[in-house]
Amino acid sequence: MASPARAARVAPEELVAALRPLVAAGRCLVASDFDGTLAPIVADPTRALMLPTARRALERLAGRTPVAVVSGRPAALLARLCPIRGVILIGSYGLERWEDGAARPDPRALAWQRGWAHDWDQVEAAVERVLAGAPEGVRVARKPWGLAVHLRGVAGPRVALERRLAVELRRLAQAFGLRLARGRLVLELLPPVRCSKGTALAGLLDALRPEAAVFCGDDRGDVPALRALGRGRAGLRLAAALAVTGPETPAALLQVASAVLAGPGVWAALLRRLAA
């Protein structure tokens, strides 16, 4: 599906027509990111809420066909944000999955943690030192498998700030044996484990063996999932890699998308039509 330049585009209307019979037959995996797709981006991530149209559509779809939400959010938080019976919940960029009322870490993450010479308290203290003197609105959020520095709350210019902090946090990440991931006005320190939304989606495709699959994302962290969908297309009748666009849409996402949707409301409407 994806090429080094840009994926071939199809109209959302064509996708709905092609996917609906496979959804009705229970042979289509419907997967999505959460923030910026099922829920609009908000200044305070703790206030993000799924669009009611998207929630009702997922409730209907989950009774017919496999449905998954794959997010950078911790699995436990994702379970509160998306409490829909039957929906597969994968959090922390594939590092954990919500199962039987608890977050289950990926074995690769557990193996890394056992050999890690540091702890997240040390990392957070070091990040706070890097952020000393940073403008008001910068927010640090601890996660079970990482630490995020949010810049969306900064009122002034943010581009130069993000670049500067990325350099400093990348250096810090290397010192702690971590990796730095960049998203839409967020910088995250994560374990250097081969887990991503791409490996999570590939695992679902291997386990479920659907005839069709769709994944919708809006940020850099979703690019591996869209690429995985492209690589897995040989075993699928239809693969749809969707990008929800906004003010800060990364170019890399558009390069691998087979269809572009103008905002979470459009994705919610498409889900509603699939569930009709």
C-alpha atoms as a PDB file:
ATOM      1  CA  MET A   1       0.000   0.000   0.000  1.00  0.00           C
ATOM      2  CA  ALA A   2       2.686   2.490   0.947  1.00  0.00           C
ATOM      3  CA  SER A   3       5.475   3.626  -1.329  1.00  0.00           C
ATOM      4  CA  PRO A   4       8.557   5.720  -0.641  1.00  0.00           C
ATOM      5  CA  ALA A   5       6.742   8.717  -2.084  1.00  0.00           C
ATOM      6  CA  ARG A   6       3.032   8.501  -1.327  1.00  0.00           C
ATOM      7  CA  ALA A   7       0.336   5.838  -1.071  1.00  0.00           C
ATOM      8  CA  ALA A   8      -2.417   5.660  -3.677  1.00  0.00           C
ATOM      9  CA  ARG A   9      -5.554   7.407  -2.409  1.00  0.00           C
ATOM     10  CA  VAL A  10      -9.139   6.211  -2.441  1.00  0.00           C
ATOM     11  CA  ALA A  11     -12.330   8.062  -1.525  1.00  0.00           C
ATOM     12  CA  PRO A  12     -13.885   7.308   1.893  1.00  0.00           C
ATOM     13  CA  GLU A  13     -17.171   6.506   0.137  1.00  0.00           C
ATOM     14  CA  GLU A  14     -15.446   3.737  -1.809  1.00  0.00           C
ATOM     15  CA  LEU A  15     -13.981   2.339   1.385  1.00  0.00           C
ATOM     16  CA  VAL A  16     -17.369   2.186   3.104  1.00  0.00           C
ATOM     17  CA  ALA A  17     -18.928   0.367   0.170  1.00  0.00           C
ATOM     18  CA  ALA A  18     -16.089  -2.150   0.025  1.00  0.00           C
ATOM     19  CA  LEU A  19     -15.780  -2.727   3.779  1.00  0.00           C
ATOM     20  CA  ARG A  20     -19.424  -3.001   4.847  1.00  0.00           C
ATOM     21  CA  PRO A  21     -20.015  -6.553   3.518  1.00  0.00           C
ATOM     22  CA  LEU A  22     -16.838  -7.756   5.242  1.00  0.00           C
ATOM     23  CA  VAL A  23     -17.846  -6.023   8.484  1.00  0.00           C
ATOM     24  CA  ALA A  24     -21.269  -7.638   8.311  1.00  0.00           C
ATOM     25  CA  ALA A  25     -19.605 -11.027   7.861  1.00  0.00           C
ATOM     26  CA  GLY A  26     -17.338 -10.428  10.851  1.00  0.00           C
ATOM     27  CA  ARG A  27     -14.219 -10.635   8.681  1.00  0.00           C
ATOM     28  CA  CYS A  28     -12.896  -7.068   8.948  1.00  0.00           C
ATOM     29  CA  LEU A  29     -10.586  -5.797  11.687  1.00  0.00           C
ATOM     30  CA  VAL A  30     -11.545  -2.209  12.538  1.00  0.00           C
ATOM     31  CA  ALA A  31      -8.686  -0.579  14.463  1.00  0.00           C
ATOM     32  CA  SER A  32      -7.983   2.982  15.501  1.00  0.00           C
ATOM     33  CA  ASP A  33      -5.804   5.259  17.544  1.00  0.00           C
ATOM     34  CA  PHE A  34      -7.642   7.182  20.288  1.00  0.00           C
ATOM     35  CA  ASP A  35      -6.469  10.804  20.601  1.00  0.00           C
ATOM     36  CA  GLY A  36      -7.007  12.854  17.470  1.00  0.00           C
ATOM     37  CA  THR A  37      -9.095  10.116  15.879  1.00  0.00           C
ATOM     38  CA  LEU A  38     -11.837   8.780  18.162  1.00  0.00           C
ATOM     39  CA  ALA A  39     -11.421  11.798  20.444  1.00  0.00           C
ATOM     40  CA  PRO A  40     -10.533  15.365  19.393  1.00  0.00           C
ATOM     41  CA  ILE A  41      -7.180  16.732  20.500  1.00  0.00           C
ATOM     42  CA  VAL A  42      -7.588  18.962  23.563  1.00  0.00           C
ATOM     43  CA  ALA A  43      -5.154  21.191  25.451  1.00  0.00           C
ATOM     44  CA  ASP A  44      -5.399  18.994  28.575  1.00  0.00           C
ATOM     45  CA  PRO A  45      -5.094  15.276  27.624  1.00  0.00           C
ATOM     46  CA  THR A  46      -6.837  14.275  30.859  1.00  0.00           C
ATOM     47  CA  ARG A  47     -10.034  15.859  29.482  1.00  0.00           C
ATOM     48  CA  ALA A  48     -10.096  13.954  26.192  1.00  0.00           C
ATOM     49  CA  LEU A  49     -13.425  12.251  25.479  1.00  0.00           C
ATOM     50  CA  MET A  50     -14.478   9.939  22.686  1.00  0.00           C
ATOM     51  CA  LEU A  51     -16.964  11.454  20.267  1.00  0.00           C
ATOM     52  CA  PRO A  52     -20.447  10.081  21.045  1.00  0.00           C
ATOM     53  CA  THR A  53     -20.941   9.093  17.384  1.00  0.00           C
ATOM     54  CA  ALA A  54     -17.683   7.114  17.440  1.00  0.00           C
ATOM     55  CA  ARG A  55     -18.579   5.419  20.717  1.00  0.00           C
ATOM     56  CA  ARG A  56     -22.010   4.297  19.515  1.00  0.00           C
ATOM     57  CA  ALA A  57     -20.498   3.027  16.271  1.00  0.00           C
ATOM     58  CA  LEU A  58     -17.792   1.023  18.079  1.00  0.00           C
ATOM     59  CA  GLU A  59     -20.418  -0.483  20.391  1.00  0.00           C
ATOM     60  CA  ARG A  60     -22.332  -1.760  17.368  1.00  0.00           C
ATOM     61  CA  LEU A  61     -19.249  -2.843  15.442  1.00  0.00           C
ATOM     62  CA  ALA A  62     -17.777  -4.794  18.375  1.00  0.00           C
ATOM     63  CA  GLY A  63     -20.802  -7.085  18.287  1.00  0.00           C
ATOM     64  CA  ARG A  64     -20.195  -7.928  14.637  1.00  0.00           C
ATOM     65  CA  THR A  65     -16.498  -7.885  13.827  1.00  0.00           C
ATOM     66  CA  PRO A  66     -13.105  -7.547  15.572  1.00  0.00           C
ATOM     67  CA  VAL A  67     -12.504  -4.002  16.866  1.00  0.00           C
ATOM     68  CA  ALA A  68      -9.312  -2.669  18.458  1.00  0.00           C
ATOM     69  CA  VAL A  69      -8.042   0.608  19.873  1.00  0.00           C
ATOM     70  CA  VAL A  70      -4.240   0.913  19.757  1.00  0.00           C
ATOM     71  CA  SER A  71      -2.948   3.949  21.625  1.00  0.00           C
ATOM     72  CA  GLY A  72       0.011   5.559  23.332  1.00  0.00           C
ATOM     73  CA  ARG A  73      -2.185   5.898  26.411  1.00  0.00           C
ATOM     74  CA  PRO A  74      -1.585   3.454  29.276  1.00  0.00           C
ATOM     75  CA  ALA A  75      -3.818   0.413  28.940  1.00  0.00           C
ATOM     76  CA  ALA A  76      -5.580   1.062  32.261  1.00  0.00           C
ATOM     77  CA  LEU A  77      -6.437   4.620  31.248  1.00  0.00           C
ATOM     78  CA  LEU A  78      -7.540   3.437  27.832  1.00  0.00           C
ATOM     79  CA  ALA A  79      -9.927   1.025  29.533  1.00  0.00           C
ATOM     80  CA  ARG A  80     -11.586   3.989  31.280  1.00  0.00           C
ATOM     81  CA  LEU A  81     -11.695   6.123  28.150  1.00  0.00           C
ATOM     82  CA  CYS A  82     -13.059   3.319  25.971  1.00  0.00           C
ATOM     83  CA  PRO A  83     -15.142   1.028  28.219  1.00  0.00           C
ATOM     84  CA  ILE A  84     -16.773  -0.859  25.355  1.00  0.00           C
ATOM     85  CA  ARG A  85     -17.354  -4.575  25.747  1.00  0.00           C
ATOM     86  CA  GLY A  86     -15.539  -6.658  23.178  1.00  0.00           C
ATOM     87  CA  VAL A  87     -13.080  -3.974  22.028  1.00  0.00           C
ATOM     88  CA  ILE A  88      -9.422  -5.044  22.117  1.00  0.00           C
ATOM     89  CA  LEU A  89      -7.378  -2.418  23.974  1.00  0.00           C
ATOM     90  CA  ILE A  90      -3.623  -2.097  23.379  1.00  0.00           C
ATOM     91  CA  GLY A  91      -1.813   0.710  25.198  1.00  0.00           C
ATOM     92  CA  SER A  92       1.625   2.284  25.618  1.00  0.00           C
ATOM     93  CA  TYR A  93       2.466   1.922  21.920  1.00  0.00           C
ATOM     94  CA  GLY A  94       2.056  -1.838  22.024  1.00  0.00           C
ATOM     95  CA  LEU A  95       3.903  -2.354  25.318  1.00  0.00           C
ATOM     96  CA  GLU A  96       0.787  -3.526  27.174  1.00  0.00           C
ATOM     97  CA  ARG A  97      -2.702  -4.908  26.587  1.00  0.00           C
ATOM     98  CA  TRP A  98      -5.841  -4.737  28.726  1.00  0.00           C
ATOM     99  CA  GLU A  99      -7.031  -8.253  29.518  1.00  0.00           C
ATOM    100  CA  ASP A 100      -9.319  -9.610  32.262  1.00  0.00           C
ATOM    101  CA  GLY A 101      -9.460  -6.257  34.034  1.00  0.00           C
ATOM    102  CA  ALA A 102      -5.701  -5.671  34.170  1.00  0.00           C
ATOM    103  CA  ALA A 103      -2.834  -4.352  32.058  1.00  0.00           C
ATOM    104  CA  ARG A 104      -0.678  -7.193  30.716  1.00  0.00           C
ATOM    105  CA  PRO A 105       2.829  -6.052  29.678  1.00  0.00           C
ATOM    106  CA  ASP A 106       4.451  -7.433  26.567  1.00  0.00           C
ATOM    107  CA  PRO A 107       7.073 -10.076  27.505  1.00  0.00           C
ATOM    108  CA  ARG A 108       9.736  -8.056  25.700  1.00  0.00           C
ATOM    109  CA  ALA A 109       9.009  -5.074  27.939  1.00  0.00           C
ATOM    110  CA  LEU A 110       9.251  -7.207  31.065  1.00  0.00           C
ATOM    111  CA  ALA A 111      12.563  -8.691  29.907  1.00  0.00           C
ATOM    112  CA  TRP A 112      13.964  -5.203  29.298  1.00  0.00           C
ATOM    113  CA  GLN A 113      12.744  -3.956  32.675  1.00  0.00           C
ATOM    114  CA  ARG A 114      14.471  -6.785  34.540  1.00  0.00           C
ATOM    115  CA  GLY A 115      17.819  -5.746  33.069  1.00  0.00           C
ATOM    116  CA  TRP A 116      17.366  -1.979  33.310  1.00  0.00           C
ATOM    117  CA  ALA A 117      19.872  -0.319  35.642  1.00  0.00           C
ATOM    118  CA  HIS A 118      17.689   2.722  36.419  1.00  0.00           C
ATOM    119  CA  ASP A 119      14.114   3.541  37.422  1.00  0.00           C
ATOM    120  CA  TRP A 120      11.464   6.023  36.304  1.00  0.00           C
ATOM    121  CA  ASP A 121      11.853   8.187  39.419  1.00  0.00           C
ATOM    122  CA  GLN A 122      15.440   8.880  38.362  1.00  0.00           C
ATOM    123  CA  VAL A 123      14.321   9.654  34.833  1.00  0.00           C
ATOM    124  CA  GLU A 124      11.582  12.021  36.000  1.00  0.00           C
ATOM    125  CA  ALA A 125      14.006  13.909  38.261  1.00  0.00           C
ATOM    126  CA  ALA A 126      16.436  14.313  35.358  1.00  0.00           C
ATOM    127  CA  VAL A 127      13.647  15.522  33.048  1.00  0.00           C
ATOM    128  CA  GLU A 128      12.534  18.092  35.614  1.00  0.00           C
ATOM    129  CA  ARG A 129      16.099  19.441  35.687  1.00  0.00           C
ATOM    130  CA  VAL A 130      16.066  19.737  31.881  1.00  0.00           C
ATOM    131  CA  LEU A 131      12.755  21.612  32.098  1.00  0.00           C
ATOM    132  CA  ALA A 132      13.963  24.072  34.715  1.00  0.00           C
ATOM    133  CA  GLY A 133      13.206  27.504  33.285  1.00  0.00           C
ATOM    134  CA  ALA A 134      10.855  26.133  30.635  1.00  0.00           C
ATOM    135  CA  PRO A 135       7.843  28.348  29.883  1.00  0.00           C
ATOM    136  CA  GLU A 136       4.551  27.944  31.709  1.00  0.00           C
ATOM    137  CA  GLY A 137       2.336  25.247  30.237  1.00  0.00           C
ATOM    138  CA  VAL A 138       4.940  22.492  29.855  1.00  0.00           C
ATOM    139  CA  ARG A 139       3.565  19.401  31.598  1.00  0.00           C
ATOM    140  CA  VAL A 140       5.231  16.114  32.551  1.00  0.00           C
ATOM    141  CA  ALA A 141       3.139  12.951  32.713  1.00  0.00           C
ATOM    142  CA  ARG A 142       4.366   9.651  34.130  1.00  0.00           C
ATOM    143  CA  LYS A 143       3.212   6.436  32.472  1.00  0.00           C
ATOM    144  CA  PRO A 144       3.672   2.795  33.444  1.00  0.00           C
ATOM    145  CA  TRP A 145       6.142   2.390  30.577  1.00  0.00           C
ATOM    146  CA  GLY A 146       7.419   5.883  29.935  1.00  0.00           C
ATOM    147  CA  LEU A 147       7.331   9.582  30.579  1.00  0.00           C
ATOM    148  CA  ALA A 148       5.753  12.262  28.389  1.00  0.00           C
ATOM    149  CA  VAL A 149       6.522  15.970  28.140  1.00  0.00           C
ATOM    150  CA  HIS A 150       3.460  17.817  26.797  1.00  0.00           C
ATOM    151  CA  LEU A 151       3.892  21.198  25.126  1.00  0.00           C
ATOM    152  CA  ARG A 152       0.327  21.898  23.983  1.00  0.00           C
ATOM    153  CA  GLY A 153      -0.369  24.061  27.016  1.00  0.00           C
ATOM    154  CA  VAL A 154       2.424  26.522  26.163  1.00  0.00           C
ATOM    155  CA  ALA A 155       0.866  29.831  25.075  1.00  0.00           C
ATOM    156  CA  GLY A 156       3.849  31.281  23.177  1.00  0.00           C
ATOM    157  CA  PRO A 157       5.937  29.971  20.246  1.00  0.00           C
ATOM    158  CA  ARG A 158       6.424  26.229  20.513  1.00  0.00           C
ATOM    159  CA  VAL A 159       8.434  25.119  17.456  1.00  0.00           C
ATOM    160  CA  ALA A 160      11.827  26.325  18.703  1.00  0.00           C
ATOM    161  CA  LEU A 161      11.017  25.082  22.211  1.00  0.00           C
ATOM    162  CA  GLU A 162      10.144  21.624  20.924  1.00  0.00           C
ATOM    163  CA  ARG A 163      13.351  21.396  18.896  1.00  0.00           C
ATOM    164  CA  ARG A 164      15.511  22.467  21.823  1.00  0.00           C
ATOM    165  CA  LEU A 165      13.869  20.098  24.249  1.00  0.00           C
ATOM    166  CA  ALA A 166      14.081  17.250  21.736  1.00  0.00           C
ATOM    167  CA  VAL A 167      17.858  17.642  21.578  1.00  0.00           C
ATOM    168  CA  GLU A 168      18.217  17.737  25.360  1.00  0.00           C
ATOM    169  CA  LEU A 169      15.777  14.905  26.019  1.00  0.00           C
ATOM    170  CA  ARG A 170      17.362  12.698  23.364  1.00  0.00           C
ATOM    171  CA  ARG A 171      20.698  13.117  25.109  1.00  0.00           C
ATOM    172  CA  LEU A 172      19.057  12.272  28.424  1.00  0.00           C
ATOM    173  CA  ALA A 173      17.316   9.242  26.910  1.00  0.00           C
ATOM    174  CA  GLN A 174      20.620   7.873  25.692  1.00  0.00           C
ATOM    175  CA  ALA A 175      22.127   8.278  29.151  1.00  0.00           C
ATOM    176  CA  PHE A 176      19.308   6.198  30.663  1.00  0.00           C
ATOM    177  CA  GLY A 177      19.210   3.603  27.900  1.00  0.00           C
ATOM    178  CA  LEU A 178      15.844   4.818  26.594  1.00  0.00           C
ATOM    179  CA  ARG A 179      14.568   6.149  23.279  1.00  0.00           C
ATOM    180  CA  LEU A 180      12.894   9.454  22.457  1.00  0.00           C
ATOM    181  CA  ALA A 181       9.636   9.474  20.497  1.00  0.00           C
ATOM    182  CA  ARG A 182       8.160  12.672  19.069  1.00  0.00           C
ATOM    183  CA  GLY A 183       4.469  13.279  18.542  1.00  0.00           C
ATOM    184  CA  ARG A 184       2.172  16.255  18.065  1.00  0.00           C
ATOM    185  CA  LEU A 185       3.544  18.660  20.695  1.00  0.00           C
ATOM    186  CA  VAL A 186       4.634  15.792  22.912  1.00  0.00           C
ATOM    187  CA  LEU A 187       8.049  14.249  23.545  1.00  0.00           C
ATOM    188  CA  GLU A 188       8.161  10.812  25.156  1.00  0.00           C
ATOM    189  CA  LEU A 189      10.893   8.749  26.776  1.00  0.00           C
ATOM    190  CA  LEU A 190      10.174   5.063  26.157  1.00  0.00           C
ATOM    191  CA  PRO A 191      11.901   1.693  26.583  1.00  0.00           C
ATOM    192  CA  PRO A 192      14.113   0.668  23.633  1.00  0.00           C
ATOM    193  CA  VAL A 193      11.907  -2.355  22.975  1.00  0.00           C
ATOM    194  CA  ARG A 194      10.700  -3.523  19.579  1.00  0.00           C
ATOM    195  CA  CYS A 195       7.083  -2.724  20.386  1.00  0.00           C
ATOM    196  CA  SER A 196       5.040  -0.194  18.448  1.00  0.00           C
ATOM    197  CA  LYS A 197       1.564   0.297  17.094  1.00  0.00           C
ATOM    198  CA  GLY A 198       2.916  -1.478  14.028  1.00  0.00           C
ATOM    199  CA  THR A 199       3.946  -4.627  15.897  1.00  0.00           C
ATOM    200  CA  ALA A 200       0.634  -4.519  17.797  1.00  0.00           C
ATOM    201  CA  LEU A 201      -1.402  -4.355  14.596  1.00  0.00           C
ATOM    202  CA  ALA A 202       0.720  -7.045  12.939  1.00  0.00           C
ATOM    203  CA  GLY A 203       0.084  -9.273  15.939  1.00  0.00           C
ATOM    204  CA  LEU A 204      -3.658  -8.741  15.640  1.00  0.00           C
ATOM    205  CA  LEU A 205      -3.580  -9.571  11.940  1.00  0.00           C
ATOM    206  CA  ASP A 206      -1.660 -12.784  12.646  1.00  0.00           C
ATOM    207  CA  ALA A 207      -3.994 -13.814  15.476  1.00  0.00           C
ATOM    208  CA  LEU A 208      -7.335 -12.870  13.915  1.00  0.00           C
ATOM    209  CA  ARG A 209      -6.645 -13.616  10.224  1.00  0.00           C
ATOM    210  CA  PRO A 210      -9.290 -11.179   8.926  1.00  0.00           C
ATOM    211  CA  GLU A 211     -10.100 -10.789   5.255  1.00  0.00           C
ATOM    212  CA  ALA A 212      -9.909  -7.001   5.543  1.00  0.00           C
ATOM    213  CA  ALA A 213      -8.454  -4.466   7.952  1.00  0.00           C
ATOM    214  CA  VAL A 214      -8.628  -0.738   8.529  1.00  0.00           C
ATOM    215  CA  PHE A 215      -6.496   1.384  10.840  1.00  0.00           C
ATOM    216  CA  CYS A 216      -6.960   5.095  11.473  1.00  0.00           C
ATOM    217  CA  GLY A 217      -4.308   7.347  13.025  1.00  0.00           C
ATOM    218  CA  ASP A 218      -3.257  10.972  13.213  1.00  0.00           C
ATOM    219  CA  ASP A 219       0.351  11.167  14.471  1.00  0.00           C
ATOM    220  CA  ARG A 220       3.916   9.908  14.011  1.00  0.00           C
ATOM    221  CA  GLY A 221       3.289   7.021  16.389  1.00  0.00           C
ATOM    222  CA  ASP A 222       0.605   5.709  14.028  1.00  0.00           C
ATOM    223  CA  VAL A 223       2.913   5.500  11.003  1.00  0.00           C
ATOM    224  CA  PRO A 224       4.242   2.008  11.942  1.00  0.00           C
ATOM    225  CA  ALA A 225       0.658   0.704  12.105  1.00  0.00           C
ATOM    226  CA  LEU A 226      -0.198   2.079   8.679  1.00  0.00           C
ATOM    227  CA  ARG A 227       3.017   0.577   7.305  1.00  0.00           C
ATOM    228  CA  ALA A 228       2.266  -2.780   8.933  1.00  0.00           C
ATOM    229  CA  LEU A 229      -1.123  -2.747   7.279  1.00  0.00           C
ATOM    230  CA  GLY A 230       0.573  -2.175   3.941  1.00  0.00           C
ATOM    231  CA  ARG A 231       3.023  -5.049   4.498  1.00  0.00           C
ATOM    232  CA  GLY A 232       0.189  -7.358   5.513  1.00  0.00           C
ATOM    233  CA  ARG A 233      -1.958  -6.555   2.505  1.00  0.00           C
ATOM    234  CA  ALA A 234      -0.905  -9.706   0.632  1.00  0.00           C
ATOM    235  CA  GLY A 235      -3.062 -11.733   3.008  1.00  0.00           C
ATOM    236  CA  LEU A 236      -5.999  -9.310   2.951  1.00  0.00           C
ATOM    237  CA  ARG A 237      -8.730  -8.698   0.416  1.00  0.00           C
ATOM    238  CA  LEU A 238      -8.737  -5.047   1.438  1.00  0.00           C
ATOM    239  CA  ALA A 239      -6.402  -2.937   3.612  1.00  0.00           C
ATOM    240  CA  ALA A 240      -7.253   0.680   4.435  1.00  0.00           C
ATOM    241  CA  ALA A 241      -4.643   2.904   6.102  1.00  0.00           C
ATOM    242  CA  LEU A 242      -6.431   6.099   7.118  1.00  0.00           C
ATOM    243  CA  ALA A 243      -5.013   9.424   8.270  1.00  0.00           C
ATOM    244  CA  VAL A 244      -7.049  11.954  10.228  1.00  0.00           C
ATOM    245  CA  THR A 245      -5.653  15.387   9.485  1.00  0.00           C
ATOM    246  CA  GLY A 246      -5.325  18.463  11.662  1.00  0.00           C
ATOM    247  CA  PRO A 247      -3.155  21.562  12.149  1.00  0.00           C
ATOM    248  CA  GLU A 248      -0.023  19.532  13.029  1.00  0.00           C
ATOM    249  CA  THR A 249      -0.387  16.471  10.789  1.00  0.00           C
ATOM    250  CA  PRO A 250       3.077  14.956  10.155  1.00  0.00           C
ATOM    251  CA  ALA A 251       4.080  14.495   6.518  1.00  0.00           C
ATOM    252  CA  ALA A 252       5.167  10.897   7.203  1.00  0.00           C
ATOM    253  CA  LEU A 253       1.567   9.956   8.036  1.00  0.00           C
ATOM    254  CA  LEU A 254       0.218  11.329   4.768  1.00  0.00           C
ATOM    255  CA  GLN A 255       2.852   9.441   2.796  1.00  0.00           C
ATOM    256  CA  VAL A 256       1.534   6.055   3.939  1.00  0.00           C
ATOM    257  CA  ALA A 257      -2.202   6.819   4.077  1.00  0.00           C
ATOM    258  CA  SER A 258      -4.580   5.320   1.539  1.00  0.00           C
ATOM    259  CA  ALA A 259      -7.301   7.806   2.487  1.00  0.00           C
ATOM    260  CA  VAL A 260      -7.294  11.158   4.305  1.00  0.00           C
ATOM    261  CA  LEU A 261     -10.106  12.224   6.640  1.00  0.00           C
ATOM    262  CA  ALA A 262     -10.576  15.863   7.637  1.00  0.00           C
ATOM    263  CA  GLY A 263     -10.885  15.504  11.403  1.00  0.00           C
ATOM    264  CA  PRO A 264     -12.171  13.026  14.007  1.00  0.00           C
ATOM    265  CA  GLY A 265     -15.780  13.852  13.113  1.00  0.00           C
ATOM    266  CA  VAL A 266     -15.277  12.427   9.626  1.00  0.00           C
ATOM    267  CA  TRP A 267     -13.793   9.217  11.045  1.00  0.00           C
ATOM    268  CA  ALA A 268     -16.716   8.938  13.473  1.00  0.00           C
ATOM    269  CA  ALA A 269     -19.173   9.365  10.604  1.00  0.00           C
ATOM    270  CA  LEU A 270     -17.366   6.688   8.584  1.00  0.00           C
ATOM    271  CA  LEU A 271     -17.542   4.304  11.552  1.00  0.00           C
ATOM    272  CA  ARG A 272     -21.254   5.021  11.900  1.00  0.00           C
ATOM    273  CA  ARG A 273     -21.795   4.091   8.249  1.00  0.00           C
ATOM    274  CA  LEU A 274     -19.794   0.881   8.663  1.00  0.00           C
ATOM    275  CA  ALA A 275     -21.947  -0.015  11.667  1.00  0.00           C
ATOM    276  CA  ALA A 276     -25.258   0.808   9.974  1.00  0.00           C
END
